[in-house]
Amino acid sequence: MKIGVIGAGRLGLTFALLCEQAGYEVIVSDVRQDYIDDLNKKIIDTNEPGVLSLLQKTNKFSATTNNLEVISKSDLIYTFVQTPSLPTGDYDISYLMKVVEDFGIAFENEISVNEKIFAIGCTTNPGDTKNIVGILNPYGVEVCYNPEFIAQGEIIKGLELADMVLVGSESQRVVSVLTDLYNKIQISELKICSMSTMAAEITKIGINCYLTTKISYANMIGEILTSSGLKDEVGLVLHSIGSDSRIGKKYLNYGFGFGGPCLPRDNRALGNYAQKIGLNVNLPYVVDDFNIHHADYLKNHYMMLNPDKTVPFVLSHVSYKKGTDMLVESQQLKLAYDLLNEGYMVNIIEVESIIRNQKFVSEISNDFPGKVKFYKVGTNPNGFKIEIE
C-alpha cells in the first residue's frame, strides 16, 4: 500500500515520515515550491524534535506540489491542510474542499480513484465529513475522519504513544486498513475508537473542550490558594486532587491559561455547534471567559509582587508552549504585552527561531521602544522572574 499526504506542514510531514519509517512508500504535497525542494533535498529547517532525523533517513519518500500526483500514486490519501477558525467559531474548510475538488479533477482526467481511501486528518465541523462522503462516494472513494491528538514540540511522541486512535467511518475495510497502519506506527498498545464520522468530529473537539475546562479548573484552584496566602501549596493541592482516579493528574497544573492552535479553537467550535443545533450550552463560553480573566489575574498578581517599574520582568518564553516557536493565542505573550502596556520592561528568553522572527521581534520592539529585550535560551537576564510555565 502506498500512502499520500496532502498538506505537509508540521503534523502532515511528521505523520508521513512515521509512515515511511514503518515501511510504506510515501509521497507528500504542499503549495510551497521552495519547501518541497528542501524536502526532496532533506535539508528543511524545523523546530520540531526528531523530524529532520526522520527525513534524512528516508529512502521511500518524495514530495511534490501536485495534489493529483499524490492522488494518482497513493492508495490511502491523508490531508492535513489548514482549517482556520472563522469569527463565528466555525472551521473554514475551504482548503479541505479544494482537496476534495482535486479528487473530482482526477476522476475527470481518467485517473483511477476507485477504492482509494481519503482520510481527513484536519479538524472539521460536525457534519463536514458526512457531506464530503456524499461528494466522493460516487467516484468510488471511501472517506473517513481520522484526526490526531498531538502537542507541538511532541508530535512524534504524540503519534507513537497515542492513548487512542479516533476513526470516523462505518466501513470495516477502512477501519482494518487504518488499524494495520497504526499498529506499525505506534510503539504503545493500539486502541482504535471507531464510530460514525459526525460522532468522531464531535469527539475530537469534545476532548479538547474538556481539557480547556480541566486547565481552567486547575487555574481557579491556584488563584484561590494564592489569594489565600497558600501559593506554596498549590502544587500539593492539585497533586492531591489529581490523585483521585476520577479526575487524574494530566493537565491539572497551575500556570498560564490554555492557548495554541488547537484548544481555544476547539473549545469555541463546540459551543458554536451546540448553539447551531438549538442547545443553550454555555460551558465552553464560560471556560473561554475564565481564560481571559486568568490572564488579567496573573498580570495583576505579578504587578503587585513587583511594583517597581525599573525592575524588568523576565519570561522564560512567550510561545504558547516552552520550546516551540508558535505564538498563536499564547497566554505567555499576552502577559508580556499586558506588562509592557502597564509601563514595565520585559526580558524574554526564547528559542533561536523566535528570535530570528524579524516580523514579530520588530513589531513588539517598535510598539515598546527600549522596553523589551530578547535573550537566547541558556542565558539568565536580570529582573523579576515569572515563576510559572
Protein backbone atom coordinates (compact mmCIF):
# COMPACT_ATOMS: atom_id res chain seq x y z
CA MET A 1 0.00 0.00 0.00
CA LYS A 2 1.25 3.49 -0.88
CA ILE A 3 0.41 6.48 1.30
CA GLY A 4 -0.07 10.07 0.22
CA VAL A 5 -0.23 13.16 2.43
CA ILE A 6 -1.70 16.42 1.11
CA GLY A 7 -0.63 19.29 3.34
CA ALA A 8 2.88 18.55 4.59
CA GLY A 9 3.06 21.04 7.45
CA ARG A 10 4.33 20.13 10.91
CA LEU A 11 1.77 17.41 11.57
CA GLY A 12 1.39 16.20 7.98
CA LEU A 13 5.12 15.85 7.44
CA THR A 14 5.72 14.10 10.75
CA PHE A 15 2.89 11.66 10.10
CA ALA A 16 4.24 10.97 6.60
CA LEU A 17 7.75 10.34 7.90
CA LEU A 18 6.50 7.89 10.52
CA CYS A 19 4.58 6.06 7.80
CA GLU A 20 7.76 5.85 5.73
CA GLN A 21 9.70 4.64 8.75
CA ALA A 22 7.03 1.94 9.18
CA GLY A 23 7.86 0.62 5.71
CA TYR A 24 5.39 2.39 3.43
CA GLU A 25 6.20 4.25 0.25
CA VAL A 26 5.09 7.83 0.89
CA ILE A 27 4.51 10.90 -1.28
CA VAL A 28 3.54 14.29 0.15
CA SER A 29 2.39 17.57 -1.39
CA ASP A 30 2.44 21.18 -0.33
CA VAL A 31 1.85 24.50 -2.09
CA ARG A 32 5.31 25.93 -1.26
CA GLN A 33 7.77 25.04 -4.04
CA ASP A 34 10.86 26.03 -2.03
CA TYR A 35 9.69 23.88 0.88
CA ILE A 36 9.06 20.92 -1.43
CA ASP A 37 12.53 21.37 -2.93
CA ASP A 38 14.02 21.31 0.57
CA LEU A 39 12.06 18.18 1.49
CA ASN A 40 13.41 16.36 -1.55
CA LYS A 41 16.92 17.51 -0.64
CA LYS A 42 16.32 16.53 3.02
CA ILE A 43 17.53 19.89 4.31
CA ILE A 44 14.49 21.52 5.95
CA ASP A 45 14.74 23.91 8.90
CA THR A 46 12.36 22.71 11.61
CA ASN A 47 11.99 23.27 15.34
CA GLU A 48 10.04 20.02 15.82
CA PRO A 49 12.24 17.45 17.62
CA GLY A 50 13.22 14.36 15.63
CA VAL A 51 11.65 15.37 12.31
CA LEU A 52 14.87 16.26 10.47
CA SER A 53 16.46 13.00 11.59
CA LEU A 54 13.50 11.02 10.25
CA LEU A 55 13.62 12.90 6.95
CA GLN A 56 17.33 12.27 6.47
CA LYS A 57 16.84 8.53 6.98
CA THR A 58 14.13 8.17 4.33
CA ASN A 59 14.54 6.11 1.16
CA LYS A 60 10.90 5.73 0.08
CA PHE A 61 9.80 9.34 0.43
CA SER A 62 9.13 12.03 -2.18
CA ALA A 63 7.48 15.44 -2.28
CA THR A 64 5.58 17.41 -4.93
CA THR A 65 3.38 20.47 -5.33
CA ASN A 66 0.92 18.45 -7.44
CA ASN A 67 -2.01 17.01 -5.48
CA LEU A 68 -3.11 14.97 -8.49
CA GLU A 69 0.23 13.18 -8.42
CA VAL A 70 -0.37 12.26 -4.78
CA ILE A 71 -3.88 11.03 -5.54
CA SER A 72 -2.71 9.05 -8.59
CA LYS A 73 0.19 7.30 -6.85
CA SER A 74 -1.44 6.55 -3.48
CA ASP A 75 -3.93 4.03 -2.14
CA LEU A 76 -4.52 5.84 1.15
CA ILE A 77 -4.54 9.64 0.92
CA TYR A 78 -4.42 11.78 4.07
CA THR A 79 -4.94 15.50 4.21
CA PHE A 80 -3.75 17.83 6.95
CA VAL A 81 -4.48 21.14 5.24
CA GLN A 82 -5.28 24.10 7.46
CA THR A 83 -8.85 24.74 8.61
CA PRO A 84 -8.62 28.21 10.20
CA SER A 85 -11.32 29.50 12.52
CA LEU A 86 -13.96 31.91 11.31
CA PRO A 87 -15.24 34.76 13.55
CA THR A 88 -18.30 32.61 14.32
CA GLY A 89 -16.11 29.83 15.76
CA ASP A 90 -16.77 27.55 12.77
CA TYR A 91 -13.85 25.99 10.93
CA ASP A 92 -13.17 27.32 7.45
CA ILE A 93 -12.88 24.16 5.32
CA SER A 94 -12.22 25.91 2.02
CA TYR A 95 -8.70 24.42 1.73
CA LEU A 96 -10.09 20.98 2.53
CA MET A 97 -12.78 21.37 -0.15
CA LYS A 98 -10.10 22.23 -2.72
CA VAL A 99 -8.53 18.85 -1.98
CA VAL A 100 -11.97 17.24 -2.41
CA GLU A 101 -12.25 19.02 -5.76
CA ASP A 102 -8.88 17.55 -6.77
CA PHE A 103 -10.40 14.06 -6.48
CA GLY A 104 -13.09 15.17 -8.92
CA ILE A 105 -10.47 16.60 -11.27
CA ALA A 106 -8.53 13.35 -11.05
CA PHE A 107 -11.68 11.39 -11.94
CA GLU A 108 -12.39 13.70 -14.90
CA ASN A 109 -8.82 13.20 -16.12
CA GLU A 110 -9.32 9.41 -16.02
CA ILE A 111 -7.06 8.94 -13.01
CA SER A 112 -8.47 5.94 -11.20
CA VAL A 113 -9.73 6.84 -7.71
CA ASN A 114 -11.96 3.80 -7.24
CA GLU A 115 -11.38 2.07 -3.88
CA LYS A 116 -8.94 4.73 -2.71
CA ILE A 117 -9.31 5.85 0.90
CA PHE A 118 -9.40 9.55 1.74
CA ALA A 119 -8.58 10.20 5.41
CA ILE A 120 -9.32 13.67 6.78
CA GLY A 121 -6.78 14.46 9.49
CA CYS A 122 -7.57 18.15 9.97
CA THR A 123 -10.23 19.45 12.34
CA THR A 124 -13.67 19.90 10.79
CA ASN A 125 -17.14 20.99 11.85
CA PRO A 126 -19.57 18.22 12.81
CA GLY A 127 -21.23 17.08 9.59
CA ASP A 128 -18.46 18.22 7.20
CA THR A 129 -17.06 14.73 6.64
CA LYS A 130 -20.55 13.33 6.02
CA ASN A 131 -21.02 15.92 3.27
CA ILE A 132 -17.66 15.01 1.74
CA VAL A 133 -18.66 11.34 1.80
CA GLY A 134 -21.67 12.28 -0.32
CA ILE A 135 -19.41 14.06 -2.82
CA LEU A 136 -16.70 11.40 -3.17
CA ASN A 137 -18.56 8.13 -2.76
CA PRO A 138 -19.94 8.28 -6.34
CA TYR A 139 -16.31 8.23 -7.54
CA GLY A 140 -15.66 5.07 -5.53
CA VAL A 141 -13.60 6.89 -2.87
CA GLU A 142 -14.10 5.83 0.75
CA VAL A 143 -13.88 8.76 3.15
CA CYS A 144 -13.05 8.69 6.85
CA TYR A 145 -12.31 11.17 9.63
CA ASN A 146 -9.04 10.42 11.41
CA PRO A 147 -7.72 13.42 13.38
CA GLU A 148 -4.60 13.30 15.54
CA PHE A 149 -4.25 14.38 19.17
CA ILE A 150 -0.78 15.86 19.40
CA ALA A 151 1.05 18.77 21.02
CA GLN A 152 3.53 20.99 19.24
CA GLY A 153 7.07 20.07 20.23
CA GLU A 154 5.99 16.46 20.85
CA ILE A 155 4.37 15.41 17.58
CA ILE A 156 6.41 12.23 17.14
CA LYS A 157 5.74 11.23 20.73
CA GLY A 158 2.05 12.03 20.34
CA LEU A 159 1.72 9.81 17.27
CA GLU A 160 3.78 6.92 18.58
CA LEU A 161 2.25 6.90 22.07
CA ALA A 162 -1.34 7.92 21.35
CA ASP A 163 -3.86 7.00 24.06
CA MET A 164 -6.31 6.14 21.30
CA VAL A 165 -6.79 6.47 17.54
CA LEU A 166 -10.09 8.03 16.53
CA VAL A 167 -11.65 6.77 13.29
CA GLY A 168 -14.89 8.12 11.91
CA SER A 169 -16.06 5.54 9.39
CA GLU A 170 -18.69 2.88 9.00
CA SER A 171 -16.53 0.88 6.58
CA GLN A 172 -14.87 -2.16 8.11
CA ARG A 173 -12.32 -2.13 5.31
CA VAL A 174 -11.25 1.40 6.21
CA VAL A 175 -11.04 0.59 9.91
CA SER A 176 -8.99 -2.51 9.11
CA VAL A 177 -6.57 -0.58 6.88
CA LEU A 178 -6.04 2.15 9.47
CA THR A 179 -5.66 -0.41 12.26
CA ASP A 180 -2.87 -2.09 10.32
CA LEU A 181 -1.21 1.28 9.64
CA TYR A 182 -1.27 2.46 13.25
CA ASN A 183 -0.08 -0.91 14.50
CA LYS A 184 3.10 -0.22 12.55
CA ILE A 185 3.42 3.43 13.65
CA GLN A 186 2.63 3.15 17.33
CA ILE A 187 5.05 1.80 19.90
CA SER A 188 2.37 1.72 22.60
CA GLU A 189 -0.64 -0.57 22.72
CA LEU A 190 -3.09 0.43 19.99
CA LYS A 191 -6.64 1.39 20.91
CA ILE A 192 -8.95 2.16 17.99
CA CYS A 193 -12.14 4.09 18.73
CA SER A 194 -14.40 3.69 15.68
CA MET A 195 -17.72 5.46 15.17
CA SER A 196 -19.69 7.49 12.63
CA THR A 197 -17.98 10.47 11.02
CA MET A 198 -20.09 13.09 12.80
CA ALA A 199 -19.68 11.41 16.18
CA ALA A 200 -15.91 11.37 15.62
CA GLU A 201 -15.90 15.08 14.74
CA ILE A 202 -17.76 15.86 17.98
CA THR A 203 -15.40 13.57 19.90
CA LYS A 204 -12.35 15.41 18.59
CA ILE A 205 -13.44 18.89 19.63
CA GLY A 206 -15.13 17.48 22.74
CA ILE A 207 -11.87 16.08 24.08
CA ASN A 208 -10.08 19.38 23.68
CA CYS A 209 -13.02 21.24 25.19
CA TYR A 210 -12.76 19.03 28.27
CA LEU A 211 -9.04 19.80 28.52
CA THR A 212 -9.73 23.55 28.48
CA THR A 213 -12.19 23.01 31.31
CA LYS A 214 -9.68 21.00 33.32
CA ILE A 215 -6.91 23.56 32.80
CA SER A 216 -9.24 26.36 33.85
CA TYR A 217 -10.33 24.43 36.94
CA ALA A 218 -6.70 23.96 38.00
CA ASN A 219 -6.04 27.67 37.49
CA MET A 220 -9.14 28.54 39.53
CA ILE A 221 -7.89 26.41 42.43
CA GLY A 222 -4.45 28.03 42.05
CA GLU A 223 -5.96 31.51 42.21
CA ILE A 224 -7.96 30.61 45.33
CA LEU A 225 -4.88 29.22 47.12
CA THR A 226 -2.62 32.08 46.01
CA SER A 227 -5.13 34.69 47.18
CA SER A 228 -5.42 32.79 50.49
CA GLY A 229 -1.67 33.10 51.11
CA LEU A 230 -1.12 29.44 50.25
CA LYS A 231 0.73 29.75 46.94
CA ASP A 232 3.47 27.36 48.08
CA GLU A 233 0.88 24.59 48.42
CA VAL A 234 -0.80 24.95 45.03
CA GLY A 235 1.15 22.04 43.57
CA LEU A 236 0.42 19.85 46.58
CA VAL A 237 -3.31 20.54 46.46
CA LEU A 238 -3.59 19.89 42.72
CA HIS A 239 -1.49 16.74 43.03
CA SER A 240 -3.88 15.52 45.71
CA ILE A 241 -6.95 16.35 43.64
CA GLY A 242 -5.43 14.62 40.62
CA SER A 243 -4.68 11.53 42.71
CA ASP A 244 -8.40 10.80 42.69
CA SER A 245 -8.76 8.32 39.81
CA ARG A 246 -12.00 10.01 38.75
CA ILE A 247 -10.01 13.16 37.97
CA GLY A 248 -6.42 12.25 37.02
CA LYS A 249 -3.26 14.38 37.07
CA LYS A 250 -2.80 15.19 33.38
CA TYR A 251 -3.40 18.86 32.52
CA LEU A 252 -4.10 19.59 36.20
CA ASN A 253 -1.36 22.12 36.86
CA TYR A 254 -1.42 25.76 37.88
CA GLY A 255 0.03 28.11 35.31
CA PHE A 256 -0.90 30.13 32.27
CA GLY A 257 -4.27 29.66 30.63
CA PHE A 258 -4.75 27.43 27.62
CA GLY A 259 -3.55 28.65 24.24
CA GLY A 260 -2.02 27.47 21.00
CA PRO A 261 -3.52 26.41 17.68
CA CYS A 262 -5.98 23.76 18.93
CA LEU A 263 -7.53 24.07 22.39
CA PRO A 264 -9.03 27.58 22.18
CA ARG A 265 -10.46 26.96 18.71
CA ASP A 266 -11.96 23.57 19.53
CA ASN A 267 -13.48 24.96 22.70
CA ARG A 268 -15.28 27.70 20.77
CA ALA A 269 -16.23 25.35 17.95
CA LEU A 270 -18.07 23.01 20.30
CA GLY A 271 -20.01 25.87 21.87
CA ASN A 272 -20.89 27.24 18.45
CA TYR A 273 -22.05 23.85 17.18
CA ALA A 274 -24.23 23.31 20.26
CA GLN A 275 -25.94 26.64 19.62
CA LYS A 276 -26.47 25.73 15.96
CA ILE A 277 -28.47 22.65 16.92
CA GLY A 278 -30.59 24.64 19.37
CA LEU A 279 -28.87 23.90 22.67
CA ASN A 280 -28.32 26.59 25.29
CA VAL A 281 -24.89 25.24 26.27
CA ASN A 282 -22.69 27.83 27.96
CA LEU A 283 -19.82 25.79 29.45
CA PRO A 284 -17.35 26.39 26.56
CA TYR A 285 -18.02 30.13 26.70
CA VAL A 286 -17.69 30.25 30.50
CA VAL A 287 -14.35 28.47 30.21
CA ASP A 288 -13.23 30.89 27.50
CA ASP A 289 -14.21 33.85 29.69
CA PHE A 290 -12.34 32.41 32.66
CA ASN A 291 -9.24 32.02 30.50
CA ILE A 292 -9.40 35.76 29.80
CA HIS A 293 -9.96 36.50 33.49
CA HIS A 294 -6.99 34.35 34.47
CA ALA A 295 -4.70 36.34 32.19
CA ASP A 296 -5.79 39.53 33.97
CA TYR A 297 -5.33 37.85 37.35
CA LEU A 298 -1.73 36.91 36.50
CA LYS A 299 -0.93 40.42 35.30
CA ASN A 300 -2.28 41.99 38.49
CA HIS A 301 -0.62 39.37 40.68
CA TYR A 302 2.83 39.95 39.23
CA MET A 303 2.42 43.73 39.25
CA MET A 304 1.64 43.51 42.96
CA LEU A 305 4.76 41.40 43.54
CA ASN A 306 6.94 43.78 41.51
CA PRO A 307 5.64 47.35 41.86
CA ASP A 308 8.99 48.87 40.82
CA LYS A 309 8.77 49.52 37.08
CA THR A 310 12.54 49.99 36.85
CA VAL A 311 12.90 46.24 37.52
CA PRO A 312 12.16 44.30 34.31
CA PHE A 313 10.11 41.14 34.26
CA VAL A 314 11.80 38.01 32.88
CA LEU A 315 9.72 35.49 30.91
CA SER A 316 11.31 32.14 30.10
CA HIS A 317 9.28 32.08 26.86
CA VAL A 318 6.43 33.83 25.09
CA SER A 319 5.46 30.95 22.79
CA TYR A 320 2.29 29.19 23.88
CA LYS A 321 4.40 26.21 24.92
CA LYS A 322 8.02 26.35 26.03
CA GLY A 323 10.46 25.10 23.41
CA THR A 324 8.12 25.62 20.46
CA ASP A 325 8.09 28.60 18.11
CA MET A 326 4.32 29.06 17.93
CA LEU A 327 2.84 32.32 19.20
CA VAL A 328 -0.81 31.76 18.27
CA GLU A 329 -3.15 32.59 21.18
CA SER A 330 -0.19 32.49 23.58
CA GLN A 331 -1.14 33.46 27.13
CA GLN A 332 2.55 33.99 27.87
CA LEU A 333 2.81 36.52 25.05
CA LYS A 334 -0.37 38.22 26.27
CA LEU A 335 1.21 38.65 29.71
CA ALA A 336 4.29 40.20 28.12
CA TYR A 337 2.14 42.71 26.23
CA ASP A 338 0.00 43.41 29.30
CA LEU A 339 3.06 44.20 31.40
CA LEU A 340 4.58 46.34 28.64
CA ASN A 341 1.32 48.26 28.34
CA GLU A 342 1.50 48.93 32.07
CA GLY A 343 4.91 50.56 31.60
CA TYR A 344 7.18 47.69 32.63
CA MET A 345 10.29 46.45 30.85
CA VAL A 346 10.27 42.80 29.79
CA ASN A 347 13.22 40.49 29.14
CA ILE A 348 12.26 37.46 27.04
CA ILE A 349 14.25 34.22 26.84
CA GLU A 350 13.39 32.32 23.68
CA VAL A 351 14.44 29.72 21.14
CA GLU A 352 16.52 30.80 18.17
CA SER A 353 13.66 30.54 15.68
CA ILE A 354 11.56 33.11 17.54
CA ILE A 355 14.49 35.48 17.99
CA ARG A 356 15.03 35.22 14.21
CA ASN A 357 11.36 36.01 13.57
CA GLN A 358 12.02 39.53 12.34
CA LYS A 359 8.35 40.44 11.84
CA PHE A 360 7.40 39.57 15.41
CA VAL A 361 10.53 40.98 17.06
CA SER A 362 10.36 44.24 15.13
CA GLU A 363 6.64 44.67 15.85
CA ILE A 364 6.94 44.30 19.62
CA SER A 365 10.16 46.32 19.72
CA ASN A 366 8.64 49.16 17.70
CA ASP A 367 5.50 49.16 19.84
CA PHE A 368 7.57 49.39 23.02
CA PRO A 369 10.92 51.01 22.13
CA GLY A 370 13.63 50.30 24.70
CA LYS A 371 11.23 48.27 26.85
CA VAL A 372 11.70 44.71 25.53
CA LYS A 373 14.86 42.65 25.05
CA PHE A 374 15.34 39.10 23.71
CA TYR A 375 17.83 36.57 25.06
CA LYS A 376 18.77 33.11 23.82
CA VAL A 377 17.80 30.02 25.79
CA GLY A 378 20.55 29.30 28.34
CA THR A 379 21.12 32.92 29.33
CA ASN A 380 19.98 34.47 32.60
CA PRO A 381 18.98 38.13 32.26
CA ASN A 382 18.38 40.29 35.32
CA GLY A 383 14.91 41.06 36.52
CA PHE A 384 11.86 39.70 38.32
CA LYS A 385 11.36 36.18 37.03
CA ILE A 386 7.88 34.87 36.21
CA GLU A 387 7.79 31.61 38.14
CA ILE A 388 5.08 29.65 36.37
CA GLU A 389 5.22 27.90 33.00
